[in-house]
Amino acid sequence: MLEPERIMESRWIKVGNKFVEESLVHWKRLPAEEATWERTEMLKEQFLAVDDLGDKHQLDRPGIDEPRRSSRVPRKNPRFQDFLA
């Protein structure tokens, strides 16, 4: 039987009209490339110590679900400034 080694990432997906949390699980005795997305609730039911496996905030790189920030610098619209005058 496979056992989770650690939780690599987590994400929320929409199933019907509800949002469900999924965890990317690195399984014991399998390479990291074989990690699978599993429902977090199911993992907690089957493996009581899932909360002790860590979460994505311990990684050195940002998660795949985090929004990217624009590096664009905001600037004032000159036409709007003329409108106010």
N, C-alpha and C. Protein backbone atom coordinates (compact mmCIF):
# COMPACT_ATOMS: atom_id res chain seq x y z
N MET A 1 0.84 -1.19 0.00
CA MET A 1 0.00 0.00 0.00
C MET A 1 0.88 1.24 0.00
N LEU A 2 0.50 2.22 -0.79
CA LEU A 2 1.25 3.48 -0.84
C LEU A 2 0.93 4.33 0.38
N GLU A 3 1.96 5.03 0.85
CA GLU A 3 1.79 5.96 1.95
C GLU A 3 2.36 7.30 1.53
N PRO A 4 1.73 8.41 1.92
CA PRO A 4 2.27 9.71 1.56
C PRO A 4 3.56 10.00 2.32
N GLU A 5 4.54 10.55 1.62
CA GLU A 5 5.77 10.96 2.27
C GLU A 5 5.68 12.42 2.68
N ARG A 6 5.18 13.25 1.76
CA ARG A 6 4.98 14.66 2.09
C ARG A 6 4.03 15.30 1.09
N ILE A 7 3.47 16.43 1.48
CA ILE A 7 2.60 17.21 0.62
C ILE A 7 3.47 18.27 -0.05
N MET A 8 3.50 18.25 -1.37
CA MET A 8 4.38 19.16 -2.11
C MET A 8 3.69 20.49 -2.43
N GLU A 9 2.42 20.47 -2.74
CA GLU A 9 1.66 21.66 -3.12
C GLU A 9 0.22 21.46 -2.66
N SER A 10 -0.56 22.50 -2.74
CA SER A 10 -2.00 22.37 -2.56
C SER A 10 -2.68 23.38 -3.47
N ARG A 11 -3.92 23.07 -3.83
CA ARG A 11 -4.68 23.96 -4.73
C ARG A 11 -6.16 23.75 -4.46
N TRP A 12 -6.96 24.70 -4.94
CA TRP A 12 -8.41 24.60 -4.87
C TRP A 12 -8.95 24.45 -6.28
N ILE A 13 -9.85 23.49 -6.48
CA ILE A 13 -10.47 23.32 -7.78
C ILE A 13 -11.99 23.38 -7.60
N LYS A 14 -12.67 23.73 -8.68
CA LYS A 14 -14.13 23.79 -8.63
C LYS A 14 -14.70 22.48 -9.14
N VAL A 15 -15.53 21.87 -8.31
CA VAL A 15 -16.23 20.63 -8.66
C VAL A 15 -17.71 20.93 -8.54
N GLY A 16 -18.39 21.03 -9.67
CA GLY A 16 -19.80 21.43 -9.65
C GLY A 16 -19.89 22.88 -9.20
N ASN A 17 -20.61 23.13 -8.12
CA ASN A 17 -20.72 24.49 -7.60
C ASN A 17 -19.95 24.67 -6.30
N LYS A 18 -19.05 23.72 -5.98
CA LYS A 18 -18.25 23.80 -4.75
C LYS A 18 -16.77 23.84 -5.08
N PHE A 19 -15.97 24.38 -4.17
CA PHE A 19 -14.53 24.36 -4.29
C PHE A 19 -13.97 23.28 -3.36
N VAL A 20 -13.04 22.50 -3.89
CA VAL A 20 -12.46 21.37 -3.15
C VAL A 20 -10.95 21.55 -3.13
N GLU A 21 -10.35 21.30 -1.95
CA GLU A 21 -8.89 21.40 -1.83
C GLU A 21 -8.25 20.09 -2.27
N GLU A 22 -7.21 20.20 -3.09
CA GLU A 22 -6.42 19.05 -3.49
C GLU A 22 -4.98 19.25 -3.06
N SER A 23 -4.29 18.16 -2.80
CA SER A 23 -2.89 18.20 -2.39
C SER A 23 -2.07 17.37 -3.36
N LEU A 24 -0.88 17.88 -3.71
CA LEU A 24 0.05 17.14 -4.55
C LEU A 24 0.89 16.29 -3.61
N VAL A 25 0.71 14.97 -3.70
CA VAL A 25 1.30 14.04 -2.74
C VAL A 25 2.52 13.35 -3.34
N HIS A 26 3.64 13.44 -2.62
CA HIS A 26 4.83 12.66 -2.96
C HIS A 26 4.73 11.37 -2.16
N TRP A 27 4.60 10.24 -2.86
CA TRP A 27 4.39 8.96 -2.21
C TRP A 27 5.72 8.32 -1.83
N LYS A 28 5.73 7.61 -0.72
CA LYS A 28 6.93 6.89 -0.28
C LYS A 28 7.30 5.83 -1.32
N ARG A 29 8.60 5.65 -1.50
CA ARG A 29 9.17 4.66 -2.42
C ARG A 29 8.85 4.94 -3.89
N LEU A 30 8.40 6.15 -4.22
CA LEU A 30 8.18 6.54 -5.60
C LEU A 30 8.94 7.83 -5.88
N PRO A 31 9.41 8.05 -7.11
CA PRO A 31 10.09 9.30 -7.42
C PRO A 31 9.11 10.48 -7.39
N ALA A 32 9.64 11.66 -7.23
CA ALA A 32 8.81 12.87 -7.14
C ALA A 32 7.98 13.07 -8.41
N GLU A 33 8.47 12.58 -9.55
CA GLU A 33 7.73 12.73 -10.80
C GLU A 33 6.41 11.95 -10.79
N GLU A 34 6.29 11.00 -9.88
CA GLU A 34 5.09 10.18 -9.78
C GLU A 34 4.08 10.76 -8.77
N ALA A 35 4.31 11.98 -8.30
CA ALA A 35 3.38 12.62 -7.36
C ALA A 35 2.02 12.80 -8.03
N THR A 36 0.96 12.68 -7.24
CA THR A 36 -0.39 12.80 -7.79
C THR A 36 -1.21 13.80 -6.98
N TRP A 37 -2.20 14.41 -7.64
CA TRP A 37 -3.14 15.30 -6.97
C TRP A 37 -4.24 14.45 -6.36
N GLU A 38 -4.46 14.61 -5.07
CA GLU A 38 -5.49 13.87 -4.35
C GLU A 38 -6.31 14.85 -3.53
N ARG A 39 -7.58 14.52 -3.30
CA ARG A 39 -8.42 15.38 -2.46
C ARG A 39 -7.91 15.34 -1.02
N THR A 40 -7.73 16.51 -0.46
CA THR A 40 -7.17 16.63 0.88
C THR A 40 -8.06 15.94 1.91
N GLU A 41 -9.37 16.07 1.77
CA GLU A 41 -10.30 15.43 2.71
C GLU A 41 -10.11 13.92 2.71
N MET A 42 -9.95 13.33 1.53
CA MET A 42 -9.75 11.89 1.42
C MET A 42 -8.44 11.49 2.08
N LEU A 43 -7.40 12.29 1.88
CA LEU A 43 -6.11 11.98 2.50
C LEU A 43 -6.21 12.00 4.02
N LYS A 44 -6.93 12.99 4.55
CA LYS A 44 -7.08 13.09 6.00
C LYS A 44 -7.86 11.90 6.57
N GLU A 45 -8.83 11.40 5.80
CA GLU A 45 -9.61 10.24 6.26
C GLU A 45 -8.76 8.97 6.24
N GLN A 46 -7.96 8.79 5.17
CA GLN A 46 -7.19 7.56 5.04
C GLN A 46 -5.90 7.57 5.84
N PHE A 47 -5.27 8.72 5.94
CA PHE A 47 -3.97 8.83 6.62
C PHE A 47 -4.11 9.91 7.69
N LEU A 48 -4.19 9.50 8.92
CA LEU A 48 -4.46 10.44 10.02
C LEU A 48 -3.38 11.49 10.20
N ALA A 49 -2.14 11.19 9.82
CA ALA A 49 -1.03 12.11 10.08
C ALA A 49 -0.72 13.01 8.88
N VAL A 50 -1.67 13.22 7.98
CA VAL A 50 -1.41 14.04 6.78
C VAL A 50 -1.04 15.47 7.16
N ASP A 51 -1.64 16.00 8.22
CA ASP A 51 -1.33 17.38 8.62
C ASP A 51 0.13 17.54 9.02
N ASP A 52 0.79 16.47 9.41
CA ASP A 52 2.19 16.55 9.83
C ASP A 52 3.17 16.47 8.67
N LEU A 53 2.66 16.32 7.46
CA LEU A 53 3.55 16.15 6.30
C LEU A 53 4.05 17.46 5.73
N GLY A 54 3.57 18.58 6.21
CA GLY A 54 4.03 19.86 5.71
C GLY A 54 3.10 20.36 4.62
N ASP A 55 3.41 21.56 4.14
CA ASP A 55 2.60 22.10 3.05
C ASP A 55 3.49 22.90 2.11
N LYS A 56 2.89 23.50 1.11
CA LYS A 56 3.65 24.15 0.05
C LYS A 56 4.40 25.39 0.52
N HIS A 57 4.07 25.94 1.66
CA HIS A 57 4.75 27.15 2.12
C HIS A 57 6.19 26.88 2.54
N GLN A 58 6.56 25.63 2.67
CA GLN A 58 7.92 25.29 3.06
C GLN A 58 8.85 25.19 1.86
N LEU A 59 8.31 25.29 0.67
CA LEU A 59 9.14 25.19 -0.53
C LEU A 59 9.90 26.48 -0.78
N ASP A 60 11.03 26.38 -1.47
CA ASP A 60 11.82 27.57 -1.78
C ASP A 60 11.27 28.32 -2.99
N ARG A 61 10.46 27.66 -3.78
CA ARG A 61 9.92 28.30 -4.97
C ARG A 61 8.43 28.56 -4.77
N PRO A 62 7.87 29.52 -5.52
CA PRO A 62 6.43 29.79 -5.35
C PRO A 62 5.60 28.62 -5.87
N GLY A 63 4.41 28.47 -5.32
CA GLY A 63 3.53 27.39 -5.75
C GLY A 63 2.95 27.65 -7.13
N ILE A 64 2.41 26.63 -7.73
CA ILE A 64 1.87 26.77 -9.08
C ILE A 64 0.54 27.49 -9.09
N ASP A 65 -0.09 27.64 -7.94
CA ASP A 65 -1.39 28.29 -7.87
C ASP A 65 -1.30 29.76 -7.49
N GLU A 66 -0.13 30.25 -7.18
CA GLU A 66 0.00 31.63 -6.76
C GLU A 66 -0.07 32.56 -7.96
N PRO A 67 -0.83 33.66 -7.84
CA PRO A 67 -0.93 34.58 -8.97
C PRO A 67 0.40 35.30 -9.20
N ARG A 68 0.69 35.56 -10.45
CA ARG A 68 1.90 36.31 -10.77
C ARG A 68 1.60 37.80 -10.68
N ARG A 69 2.55 38.54 -10.22
CA ARG A 69 2.41 39.99 -10.12
C ARG A 69 3.03 40.64 -11.34
N SER A 70 2.37 41.66 -11.83
CA SER A 70 2.89 42.40 -12.97
C SER A 70 4.06 43.27 -12.52
N SER A 71 5.07 43.38 -13.36
CA SER A 71 6.21 44.25 -13.04
C SER A 71 6.02 45.62 -13.68
N ARG A 72 4.87 45.84 -14.28
CA ARG A 72 4.57 47.11 -14.93
C ARG A 72 4.40 48.21 -13.88
N VAL A 73 4.99 49.35 -14.15
CA VAL A 73 4.91 50.48 -13.22
C VAL A 73 3.68 51.31 -13.59
N PRO A 74 2.78 51.57 -12.63
CA PRO A 74 1.61 52.39 -12.95
C PRO A 74 2.02 53.84 -13.22
N ARG A 75 1.35 54.45 -14.17
CA ARG A 75 1.61 55.86 -14.47
C ARG A 75 0.29 56.57 -14.69
N LYS A 76 0.29 57.86 -14.44
CA LYS A 76 -0.93 58.65 -14.54
C LYS A 76 -1.27 58.90 -16.00
N ASN A 77 -2.56 58.89 -16.28
CA ASN A 77 -3.05 59.18 -17.62
C ASN A 77 -3.05 60.69 -17.80
N PRO A 78 -2.28 61.23 -18.76
CA PRO A 78 -2.23 62.69 -18.94
C PRO A 78 -3.57 63.26 -19.37
N ARG A 79 -4.37 62.54 -20.14
CA ARG A 79 -5.68 63.04 -20.57
C ARG A 79 -6.63 63.18 -19.38
N PHE A 80 -6.53 62.32 -18.41
CA PHE A 80 -7.38 62.42 -17.23
C PHE A 80 -6.99 63.65 -16.41
N GLN A 81 -5.70 63.95 -16.33
CA GLN A 81 -5.24 65.14 -15.61
C GLN A 81 -5.79 66.42 -16.28
N ASP A 82 -5.83 66.45 -17.63
CA ASP A 82 -6.37 67.60 -18.36
C ASP A 82 -7.86 67.74 -18.10
N PHE A 83 -8.56 66.62 -17.93
CA PHE A 83 -9.99 66.64 -17.68
C PHE A 83 -10.30 67.26 -16.34
N LEU A 84 -9.44 67.02 -15.34
CA LEU A 84 -9.67 67.56 -14.01
C LEU A 84 -9.40 69.05 -13.93
N ALA A 85 -8.54 69.58 -14.80
CA ALA A 85 -8.15 70.99 -14.73
C ALA A 85 -9.22 71.92 -15.22
